[in-house]
Amino acid sequence: MSHAVLPSQAQDFDDTVQHYHANGFGIVRGLFSSDEIAAFDAEARQLVKREDLIETNNLRCRWQTDAETGACIFDAFDPIVDLGAVMARAANDPKIHALLQILYGERGRLFKDKLIFKPPGASGYALHQDYIAWPTFPHSFLTVIVALDVADSQSGCTEVFAGMHKQGPLMPADGMYHEIPSGMIDERLGVKLQLSPGDVAFFSGFTPHRSGVNRSRRWRRQLYFSYNAESDGGNCRAAHYREYHGWLRDRYAEYGRTEVYFA
């Protein structure tokens, strides 16, 4: 893992933005207060009790394999902002939008939103880029992570690969999800996004990243808010989710699962 110096001052957006453009990611420490995180925590705890929603055929829900038992376990809601007023406010928080304004040089628009719980034992995600070449997918796509819990190596924090975003798509731009073979990436470029509650990290849709198994005994909950520049599609969140759900239905159908729905 590299020992890149990360910006750490919440007020110092300029250095953070320079770091982002050079490396494809950045961190702002303590952007959200302890009171704000407490509100996120309270709503997240209520949402995880929504047994009416947490069902394997619901396209809103994501699942992971328990690394020890092999069981299928609930991992995330995608989308999230329509389920909770606190989550909706977080996605449109002025502090995030001030950062987006500097990153883009213009207004940012919410494109995608999810709450990943990552309970103990949950597997991580293999090496990939978030950019998928769908008709409505913006090149300006970037994701802002808001940490609700401690994210570290033990809990399976996200690992990004510095500077690789400059190469654009590393896999075929055919509208499909592709994992990136490890041999394509210089492992020395890896930086683990170790975060405390209230910290914010952000990375480009072209930044390769992955995460490991949560081997701790606690959640590693994070809000993932993705945005696009105003000039790169405007408000296209609804169009994205229509397209995304169609894509998911096709993938489920490949396994004979035709009873899926969105709720």
C-alpha atoms as a PDB file:
ATOM      1  CA  MET A   1       0.000   0.000   0.000  1.00  0.00           C
ATOM      2  CA  SER A   2       1.338   3.449  -0.829  1.00  0.00           C
ATOM      3  CA  HIS A   3       1.961   6.070   1.812  1.00  0.00           C
ATOM      4  CA  ALA A   4       0.419   8.950  -0.128  1.00  0.00           C
ATOM      5  CA  VAL A   5      -0.196  12.034   1.998  1.00  0.00           C
ATOM      6  CA  LEU A   6      -3.943  12.605   2.214  1.00  0.00           C
ATOM      7  CA  PRO A   7      -5.566  15.998   2.813  1.00  0.00           C
ATOM      8  CA  SER A   8      -7.031  16.026   6.293  1.00  0.00           C
ATOM      9  CA  GLN A   9      -8.509  19.465   6.936  1.00  0.00           C
ATOM     10  CA  ALA A  10     -12.250  19.841   6.409  1.00  0.00           C
ATOM     11  CA  GLN A  11     -11.807  23.494   5.396  1.00  0.00           C
ATOM     12  CA  ASP A  12      -8.997  22.894   2.931  1.00  0.00           C
ATOM     13  CA  PHE A  13     -11.060  21.904  -0.091  1.00  0.00           C
ATOM     14  CA  ASP A  14      -8.535  23.342  -2.562  1.00  0.00           C
ATOM     15  CA  ASP A  15      -5.750  20.913  -1.619  1.00  0.00           C
ATOM     16  CA  THR A  16      -8.298  18.103  -1.507  1.00  0.00           C
ATOM     17  CA  VAL A  17      -9.486  18.883  -5.024  1.00  0.00           C
ATOM     18  CA  GLN A  18      -5.927  19.034  -6.367  1.00  0.00           C
ATOM     19  CA  HIS A  19      -5.296  15.650  -4.783  1.00  0.00           C
ATOM     20  CA  TYR A  20      -8.487  14.305  -6.388  1.00  0.00           C
ATOM     21  CA  HIS A  21      -7.558  15.408  -9.898  1.00  0.00           C
ATOM     22  CA  ALA A  22      -4.051  13.970  -9.530  1.00  0.00           C
ATOM     23  CA  ASN A  23      -4.970  10.700  -7.831  1.00  0.00           C
ATOM     24  CA  GLY A  24      -8.649  10.056  -8.507  1.00  0.00           C
ATOM     25  CA  PHE A  25      -9.745  10.249  -4.875  1.00  0.00           C
ATOM     26  CA  GLY A  26      -9.678  12.478  -1.808  1.00  0.00           C
ATOM     27  CA  ILE A  27     -10.643  12.594   1.858  1.00  0.00           C
ATOM     28  CA  VAL A  28     -12.137  15.352   3.990  1.00  0.00           C
ATOM     29  CA  ARG A  29     -11.917  14.600   7.689  1.00  0.00           C
ATOM     30  CA  GLY A  30     -14.781  15.469  10.013  1.00  0.00           C
ATOM     31  CA  LEU A  31     -17.060  17.014   7.425  1.00  0.00           C
ATOM     32  CA  PHE A  32     -20.111  15.849   9.372  1.00  0.00           C
ATOM     33  CA  SER A  33     -20.507  16.532  13.086  1.00  0.00           C
ATOM     34  CA  SER A  34     -21.123  13.927  15.765  1.00  0.00           C
ATOM     35  CA  ASP A  35     -24.741  15.127  16.040  1.00  0.00           C
ATOM     36  CA  GLU A  36     -25.241  14.660  12.300  1.00  0.00           C
ATOM     37  CA  ILE A  37     -23.724  11.180  12.413  1.00  0.00           C
ATOM     38  CA  ALA A  38     -25.974  10.307  15.366  1.00  0.00           C
ATOM     39  CA  ALA A  39     -28.995  11.251  13.228  1.00  0.00           C
ATOM     40  CA  PHE A  40     -27.723   9.121  10.323  1.00  0.00           C
ATOM     41  CA  ASP A  41     -27.118   6.248  12.733  1.00  0.00           C
ATOM     42  CA  ALA A  42     -30.612   6.453  14.222  1.00  0.00           C
ATOM     43  CA  GLU A  43     -32.316   6.393  10.834  1.00  0.00           C
ATOM     44  CA  ALA A  44     -30.066   3.583   9.557  1.00  0.00           C
ATOM     45  CA  ARG A  45     -30.996   1.487  12.602  1.00  0.00           C
ATOM     46  CA  GLN A  46     -34.677   1.985  11.851  1.00  0.00           C
ATOM     47  CA  LEU A  47     -34.291   1.176   8.158  1.00  0.00           C
ATOM     48  CA  VAL A  48     -32.474  -2.114   8.761  1.00  0.00           C
ATOM     49  CA  LYS A  49     -35.605  -3.279  10.602  1.00  0.00           C
ATOM     50  CA  ARG A  50     -37.748  -2.847   7.465  1.00  0.00           C
ATOM     51  CA  GLU A  51     -38.706  -6.497   7.003  1.00  0.00           C
ATOM     52  CA  ASP A  52     -41.315  -5.382   4.473  1.00  0.00           C
ATOM     53  CA  LEU A  53     -38.467  -4.303   2.191  1.00  0.00           C
ATOM     54  CA  ILE A  54     -35.637  -6.718   2.914  1.00  0.00           C
ATOM     55  CA  GLU A  55     -36.501  -9.541   0.549  1.00  0.00           C
ATOM     56  CA  THR A  56     -34.345 -11.318  -2.029  1.00  0.00           C
ATOM     57  CA  ASN A  57     -36.649 -10.449  -4.949  1.00  0.00           C
ATOM     58  CA  ASN A  58     -36.686  -6.733  -4.132  1.00  0.00           C
ATOM     59  CA  LEU A  59     -34.406  -4.917  -6.573  1.00  0.00           C
ATOM     60  CA  ARG A  60     -33.714  -2.286  -3.916  1.00  0.00           C
ATOM     61  CA  CYS A  61     -31.794  -4.791  -1.796  1.00  0.00           C
ATOM     62  CA  ARG A  62     -28.241  -5.968  -2.240  1.00  0.00           C
ATOM     63  CA  TRP A  63     -26.816  -9.116  -0.758  1.00  0.00           C
ATOM     64  CA  GLN A  64     -23.436 -10.540   0.121  1.00  0.00           C
ATOM     65  CA  THR A  65     -22.067 -13.942   1.017  1.00  0.00           C
ATOM     66  CA  ASP A  66     -20.974 -14.531   4.581  1.00  0.00           C
ATOM     67  CA  ALA A  67     -17.268 -15.321   4.252  1.00  0.00           C
ATOM     68  CA  GLU A  68     -17.382 -17.917   7.032  1.00  0.00           C
ATOM     69  CA  THR A  69     -20.776 -19.614   6.680  1.00  0.00           C
ATOM     70  CA  GLY A  70     -21.567 -19.070   3.003  1.00  0.00           C
ATOM     71  CA  ALA A  71     -24.992 -17.684   3.952  1.00  0.00           C
ATOM     72  CA  CYS A  72     -26.660 -14.969   1.911  1.00  0.00           C
ATOM     73  CA  ILE A  73     -26.852 -11.841   4.075  1.00  0.00           C
ATOM     74  CA  PHE A  74     -28.462  -8.457   3.528  1.00  0.00           C
ATOM     75  CA  ASP A  75     -25.888  -5.810   2.688  1.00  0.00           C
ATOM     76  CA  ALA A  76     -27.413  -2.616   1.275  1.00  0.00           C
ATOM     77  CA  PHE A  77     -30.360  -0.521   0.166  1.00  0.00           C
ATOM     78  CA  ASP A  78     -29.984   0.974  -3.319  1.00  0.00           C
ATOM     79  CA  PRO A  79     -31.562   3.543  -3.577  1.00  0.00           C
ATOM     80  CA  ILE A  80     -31.895   4.969  -0.085  1.00  0.00           C
ATOM     81  CA  VAL A  81     -32.953   8.647  -0.151  1.00  0.00           C
ATOM     82  CA  ASP A  82     -36.629   7.877  -0.743  1.00  0.00           C
ATOM     83  CA  LEU A  83     -36.713   5.763   2.423  1.00  0.00           C
ATOM     84  CA  GLY A  84     -35.590   8.339   4.967  1.00  0.00           C
ATOM     85  CA  ALA A  85     -35.738  12.097   5.310  1.00  0.00           C
ATOM     86  CA  VAL A  86     -32.371  12.203   7.096  1.00  0.00           C
ATOM     87  CA  MET A  87     -30.694  10.269   4.276  1.00  0.00           C
ATOM     88  CA  ALA A  88     -32.284  12.556   1.699  1.00  0.00           C
ATOM     89  CA  ARG A  89     -30.965  15.631   3.489  1.00  0.00           C
ATOM     90  CA  ALA A  90     -27.508  14.075   3.704  1.00  0.00           C
ATOM     91  CA  ALA A  91     -27.361  13.487  -0.058  1.00  0.00           C
ATOM     92  CA  ASN A  92     -28.129  17.160  -0.657  1.00  0.00           C
ATOM     93  CA  ASP A  93     -26.128  18.576   2.226  1.00  0.00           C
ATOM     94  CA  PRO A  94     -24.648  22.012   1.433  1.00  0.00           C
ATOM     95  CA  LYS A  95     -21.200  20.854   2.571  1.00  0.00           C
ATOM     96  CA  ILE A  96     -21.162  18.078  -0.025  1.00  0.00           C
ATOM     97  CA  HIS A  97     -22.443  20.412  -2.696  1.00  0.00           C
ATOM     98  CA  ALA A  98     -19.802  23.010  -1.857  1.00  0.00           C
ATOM     99  CA  LEU A  99     -17.193  20.327  -2.452  1.00  0.00           C
ATOM    100  CA  LEU A 100     -18.865  19.248  -5.704  1.00  0.00           C
ATOM    101  CA  GLN A 101     -18.942  22.845  -6.905  1.00  0.00           C
ATOM    102  CA  ILE A 102     -15.160  23.013  -6.555  1.00  0.00           C
ATOM    103  CA  LEU A 103     -14.585  19.552  -8.036  1.00  0.00           C
ATOM    104  CA  TYR A 104     -16.774  20.163 -11.070  1.00  0.00           C
ATOM    105  CA  GLY A 105     -16.532  23.915 -11.394  1.00  0.00           C
ATOM    106  CA  GLU A 106     -20.323  23.825 -11.529  1.00  0.00           C
ATOM    107  CA  ARG A 107     -23.305  22.334  -9.742  1.00  0.00           C
ATOM    108  CA  GLY A 108     -23.409  18.604  -9.038  1.00  0.00           C
ATOM    109  CA  ARG A 109     -26.586  16.527  -9.357  1.00  0.00           C
ATOM    110  CA  LEU A 110     -27.437  13.403  -7.379  1.00  0.00           C
ATOM    111  CA  PHE A 111     -27.241  10.386  -9.696  1.00  0.00           C
ATOM    112  CA  LYS A 112     -27.285   7.340  -7.411  1.00  0.00           C
ATOM    113  CA  ASP A 113     -27.586   6.709  -3.674  1.00  0.00           C
ATOM    114  CA  LYS A 114     -27.184   3.719  -1.398  1.00  0.00           C
ATOM    115  CA  LEU A 115     -26.593   2.739   2.201  1.00  0.00           C
ATOM    116  CA  ILE A 116     -24.204  -0.167   2.620  1.00  0.00           C
ATOM    117  CA  PHE A 117     -24.401  -1.836   6.044  1.00  0.00           C
ATOM    118  CA  LYS A 118     -21.610  -4.387   5.532  1.00  0.00           C
ATOM    119  CA  PRO A 119     -22.377  -6.513   8.607  1.00  0.00           C
ATOM    120  CA  PRO A 120     -19.741  -8.728  10.212  1.00  0.00           C
ATOM    121  CA  GLY A 121     -18.708 -11.527   7.854  1.00  0.00           C
ATOM    122  CA  ALA A 122     -19.888  -9.777   4.704  1.00  0.00           C
ATOM    123  CA  SER A 123     -17.638 -10.301   1.709  1.00  0.00           C
ATOM    124  CA  GLY A 124     -16.268  -7.296  -0.096  1.00  0.00           C
ATOM    125  CA  TYR A 125     -16.275  -6.285  -3.747  1.00  0.00           C
ATOM    126  CA  ALA A 126     -13.700  -7.402  -6.275  1.00  0.00           C
ATOM    127  CA  LEU A 127     -11.554  -4.893  -8.135  1.00  0.00           C
ATOM    128  CA  HIS A 128     -13.680  -2.828 -10.537  1.00  0.00           C
ATOM    129  CA  GLN A 129     -14.544   0.630 -11.840  1.00  0.00           C
ATOM    130  CA  ASP A 130     -17.986   2.160 -11.257  1.00  0.00           C
ATOM    131  CA  TYR A 131     -18.298   3.558 -14.772  1.00  0.00           C
ATOM    132  CA  ILE A 132     -20.557   1.412 -16.959  1.00  0.00           C
ATOM    133  CA  ALA A 133     -21.160   2.498 -20.548  1.00  0.00           C
ATOM    134  CA  TRP A 134     -24.951   2.767 -20.454  1.00  0.00           C
ATOM    135  CA  PRO A 135     -26.564   5.477 -22.606  1.00  0.00           C
ATOM    136  CA  THR A 136     -27.344   7.706 -19.613  1.00  0.00           C
ATOM    137  CA  PHE A 137     -24.142   7.060 -17.655  1.00  0.00           C
ATOM    138  CA  PRO A 138     -22.188  10.304 -17.139  1.00  0.00           C
ATOM    139  CA  HIS A 139     -18.428  10.511 -17.576  1.00  0.00           C
ATOM    140  CA  SER A 140     -18.368  12.971 -14.664  1.00  0.00           C
ATOM    141  CA  PHE A 141     -19.690  10.278 -12.291  1.00  0.00           C
ATOM    142  CA  LEU A 142     -18.041  10.390  -8.879  1.00  0.00           C
ATOM    143  CA  THR A 143     -18.973   8.885  -5.536  1.00  0.00           C
ATOM    144  CA  VAL A 144     -18.925  10.516  -2.109  1.00  0.00           C
ATOM    145  CA  ILE A 145     -18.660   8.122   0.852  1.00  0.00           C
ATOM    146  CA  VAL A 146     -19.972   9.279   4.227  1.00  0.00           C
ATOM    147  CA  ALA A 147     -18.673   7.071   7.043  1.00  0.00           C
ATOM    148  CA  LEU A 148     -21.170   6.182   9.780  1.00  0.00           C
ATOM    149  CA  ASP A 149     -18.785   3.716  11.428  1.00  0.00           C
ATOM    150  CA  VAL A 150     -15.040   3.197  11.585  1.00  0.00           C
ATOM    151  CA  ALA A 151     -13.776   1.859   8.267  1.00  0.00           C
ATOM    152  CA  ASP A 152     -10.409   0.129   8.439  1.00  0.00           C
ATOM    153  CA  SER A 153      -8.628  -2.947   7.148  1.00  0.00           C
ATOM    154  CA  GLN A 154     -10.337  -5.150   9.725  1.00  0.00           C
ATOM    155  CA  SER A 155     -13.838  -4.060   8.704  1.00  0.00           C
ATOM    156  CA  GLY A 156     -13.130  -4.193   4.976  1.00  0.00           C
ATOM    157  CA  CYS A 157     -12.610  -0.562   4.009  1.00  0.00           C
ATOM    158  CA  THR A 158     -12.537   0.532   0.388  1.00  0.00           C
ATOM    159  CA  GLU A 159      -9.148   0.461  -1.325  1.00  0.00           C
ATOM    160  CA  VAL A 160      -8.552   2.785  -4.287  1.00  0.00           C
ATOM    161  CA  PHE A 161      -5.689   2.812  -6.784  1.00  0.00           C
ATOM    162  CA  ALA A 162      -4.106   6.209  -7.164  1.00  0.00           C
ATOM    163  CA  GLY A 163      -3.795   7.819 -10.584  1.00  0.00           C
ATOM    164  CA  MET A 164      -5.428   4.975 -12.509  1.00  0.00           C
ATOM    165  CA  HIS A 165      -8.534   7.095 -13.235  1.00  0.00           C
ATOM    166  CA  LYS A 166      -6.539   8.922 -15.898  1.00  0.00           C
ATOM    167  CA  GLN A 167      -6.629   5.795 -18.076  1.00  0.00           C
ATOM    168  CA  GLY A 168     -10.422   5.863 -18.443  1.00  0.00           C
ATOM    169  CA  PRO A 169     -12.269   2.543 -18.824  1.00  0.00           C
ATOM    170  CA  LEU A 170      -9.899  -0.359 -18.230  1.00  0.00           C
ATOM    171  CA  MET A 171     -12.404  -2.991 -19.365  1.00  0.00           C
ATOM    172  CA  PRO A 172     -14.705  -3.205 -22.413  1.00  0.00           C
ATOM    173  CA  ALA A 173     -17.214  -0.327 -22.513  1.00  0.00           C
ATOM    174  CA  ASP A 174     -20.064  -2.664 -23.437  1.00  0.00           C
ATOM    175  CA  GLY A 175     -22.616  -1.774 -20.770  1.00  0.00           C
ATOM    176  CA  MET A 176     -21.736  -4.744 -18.565  1.00  0.00           C
ATOM    177  CA  TYR A 177     -20.094  -4.979 -15.159  1.00  0.00           C
ATOM    178  CA  HIS A 178     -16.534  -6.267 -15.351  1.00  0.00           C
ATOM    179  CA  GLU A 179     -14.095  -7.213 -12.648  1.00  0.00           C
ATOM    180  CA  ILE A 180     -10.549  -6.061 -13.336  1.00  0.00           C
ATOM    181  CA  PRO A 181      -7.871  -8.771 -13.338  1.00  0.00           C
ATOM    182  CA  SER A 182      -5.387  -8.035 -10.553  1.00  0.00           C
ATOM    183  CA  GLY A 183      -2.485  -8.204 -13.005  1.00  0.00           C
ATOM    184  CA  MET A 184      -3.727  -5.017 -14.698  1.00  0.00           C
ATOM    185  CA  ILE A 185      -3.142  -2.923 -11.578  1.00  0.00           C
ATOM    186  CA  ASP A 186       0.063  -1.957  -9.827  1.00  0.00           C
ATOM    187  CA  GLU A 187      -0.638  -3.077  -6.251  1.00  0.00           C
ATOM    188  CA  ARG A 188       1.767  -0.428  -4.966  1.00  0.00           C
ATOM    189  CA  LEU A 189      -0.773   2.238  -5.953  1.00  0.00           C
ATOM    190  CA  GLY A 190      -3.376   0.954  -3.483  1.00  0.00           C
ATOM    191  CA  VAL A 191      -4.568   3.309  -0.746  1.00  0.00           C
ATOM    192  CA  LYS A 192      -7.050   2.106   1.864  1.00  0.00           C
ATOM    193  CA  LEU A 193      -9.681   4.689   2.739  1.00  0.00           C
ATOM    194  CA  GLN A 194      -9.535   4.404   6.507  1.00  0.00           C
ATOM    195  CA  LEU A 195     -12.306   6.601   7.854  1.00  0.00           C
ATOM    196  CA  SER A 196     -13.844   7.632  11.155  1.00  0.00           C
ATOM    197  CA  PRO A 197     -17.520   8.545  11.582  1.00  0.00           C
ATOM    198  CA  GLY A 198     -18.101  11.929   9.959  1.00  0.00           C
ATOM    199  CA  ASP A 199     -15.228  11.613   7.502  1.00  0.00           C
ATOM    200  CA  VAL A 200     -15.973  11.833   3.798  1.00  0.00           C
ATOM    201  CA  ALA A 201     -14.042  10.199   0.958  1.00  0.00           C
ATOM    202  CA  PHE A 202     -14.713  10.608  -2.734  1.00  0.00           C
ATOM    203  CA  PHE A 203     -13.436   8.997  -5.901  1.00  0.00           C
ATOM    204  CA  SER A 204     -13.918   9.075  -9.657  1.00  0.00           C
ATOM    205  CA  GLY A 205     -16.080   6.596 -11.516  1.00  0.00           C
ATOM    206  CA  PHE A 206     -12.886   5.591 -13.335  1.00  0.00           C
ATOM    207  CA  THR A 207     -10.882   4.951 -10.145  1.00  0.00           C
ATOM    208  CA  PRO A 208     -10.336   1.194  -9.692  1.00  0.00           C
ATOM    209  CA  HIS A 209     -11.319   0.095  -6.206  1.00  0.00           C
ATOM    210  CA  ARG A 210     -12.189  -2.948  -4.111  1.00  0.00           C
ATOM    211  CA  SER A 211     -12.993  -3.877  -0.535  1.00  0.00           C
ATOM    212  CA  GLY A 212     -12.258  -6.833   1.694  1.00  0.00           C
ATOM    213  CA  VAL A 213     -14.249  -9.017   4.053  1.00  0.00           C
ATOM    214  CA  ASN A 214     -15.611  -7.424   7.219  1.00  0.00           C
ATOM    215  CA  ARG A 215     -13.669  -9.478   9.755  1.00  0.00           C
ATOM    216  CA  SER A 216     -14.636  -7.259  12.657  1.00  0.00           C
ATOM    217  CA  ARG A 217     -17.586  -7.730  14.993  1.00  0.00           C
ATOM    218  CA  ARG A 218     -19.263  -4.494  13.958  1.00  0.00           C
ATOM    219  CA  TRP A 219     -21.031  -2.922  11.016  1.00  0.00           C
ATOM    220  CA  ARG A 220     -19.066  -0.875   8.516  1.00  0.00           C
ATOM    221  CA  ARG A 221     -21.950   1.330   7.422  1.00  0.00           C
ATOM    222  CA  GLN A 222     -21.353   3.933   4.742  1.00  0.00           C
ATOM    223  CA  LEU A 223     -23.549   6.164   2.632  1.00  0.00           C
ATOM    224  CA  TYR A 224     -22.554   6.111  -1.027  1.00  0.00           C
ATOM    225  CA  PHE A 225     -23.831   9.176  -2.862  1.00  0.00           C
ATOM    226  CA  SER A 226     -22.899   9.412  -6.541  1.00  0.00           C
ATOM    227  CA  TYR A 227     -23.167  12.578  -8.594  1.00  0.00           C
ATOM    228  CA  ASN A 228     -22.722  13.986 -12.081  1.00  0.00           C
ATOM    229  CA  ALA A 229     -21.908  17.482 -13.258  1.00  0.00           C
ATOM    230  CA  GLU A 230     -24.896  19.627 -14.198  1.00  0.00           C
ATOM    231  CA  SER A 231     -23.616  19.975 -17.776  1.00  0.00           C
ATOM    232  CA  ASP A 232     -23.200  16.194 -18.067  1.00  0.00           C
ATOM    233  CA  GLY A 233     -26.835  15.119 -18.165  1.00  0.00           C
ATOM    234  CA  GLY A 234     -28.442  17.374 -15.575  1.00  0.00           C
ATOM    235  CA  ASN A 235     -30.936  15.604 -13.354  1.00  0.00           C
ATOM    236  CA  CYS A 236     -30.741  12.023 -14.646  1.00  0.00           C
ATOM    237  CA  ARG A 237     -31.216  10.032 -11.424  1.00  0.00           C
ATOM    238  CA  ALA A 238     -34.687   8.761 -12.396  1.00  0.00           C
ATOM    239  CA  ALA A 239     -33.473   7.738 -15.858  1.00  0.00           C
ATOM    240  CA  HIS A 240     -30.523   5.934 -14.288  1.00  0.00           C
ATOM    241  CA  TYR A 241     -32.689   3.868 -11.965  1.00  0.00           C
ATOM    242  CA  ARG A 242     -35.049   2.910 -14.805  1.00  0.00           C
ATOM    243  CA  GLU A 243     -32.061   1.748 -16.787  1.00  0.00           C
ATOM    244  CA  TYR A 244     -30.421   0.072 -13.803  1.00  0.00           C
ATOM    245  CA  HIS A 245     -33.546  -1.861 -12.864  1.00  0.00           C
ATOM    246  CA  GLY A 246     -33.965  -3.034 -16.449  1.00  0.00           C
ATOM    247  CA  TRP A 247     -30.376  -4.233 -16.424  1.00  0.00           C
ATOM    248  CA  LEU A 248     -30.913  -6.041 -13.108  1.00  0.00           C
ATOM    249  CA  ARG A 249     -34.071  -7.736 -14.390  1.00  0.00           C
ATOM    250  CA  ASP A 250     -32.119  -9.046 -17.363  1.00  0.00           C
ATOM    251  CA  ARG A 251     -29.370 -10.377 -15.101  1.00  0.00           C
ATOM    252  CA  TYR A 252     -31.859 -12.087 -12.760  1.00  0.00           C
ATOM    253  CA  ALA A 253     -33.676 -13.585 -15.739  1.00  0.00           C
ATOM    254  CA  GLU A 254     -30.444 -15.263 -16.832  1.00  0.00           C
ATOM    255  CA  TYR A 255     -30.771 -17.349 -13.657  1.00  0.00           C
ATOM    256  CA  GLY A 256     -34.472 -18.018 -14.154  1.00  0.00           C
ATOM    257  CA  ARG A 257     -35.594 -15.432 -11.629  1.00  0.00           C
ATOM    258  CA  THR A 258     -38.525 -13.544 -13.111  1.00  0.00           C
ATOM    259  CA  GLU A 259     -40.454 -12.611  -9.948  1.00  0.00           C
ATOM    260  CA  VAL A 260     -38.317  -9.623  -9.034  1.00  0.00           C
ATOM    261  CA  TYR A 261     -39.890  -6.260  -8.201  1.00  0.00           C
ATOM    262  CA  PHE A 262     -38.962  -2.862  -6.813  1.00  0.00           C
ATOM    263  CA  ALA A 263     -40.397  -1.579  -3.566  1.00  0.00           C
END
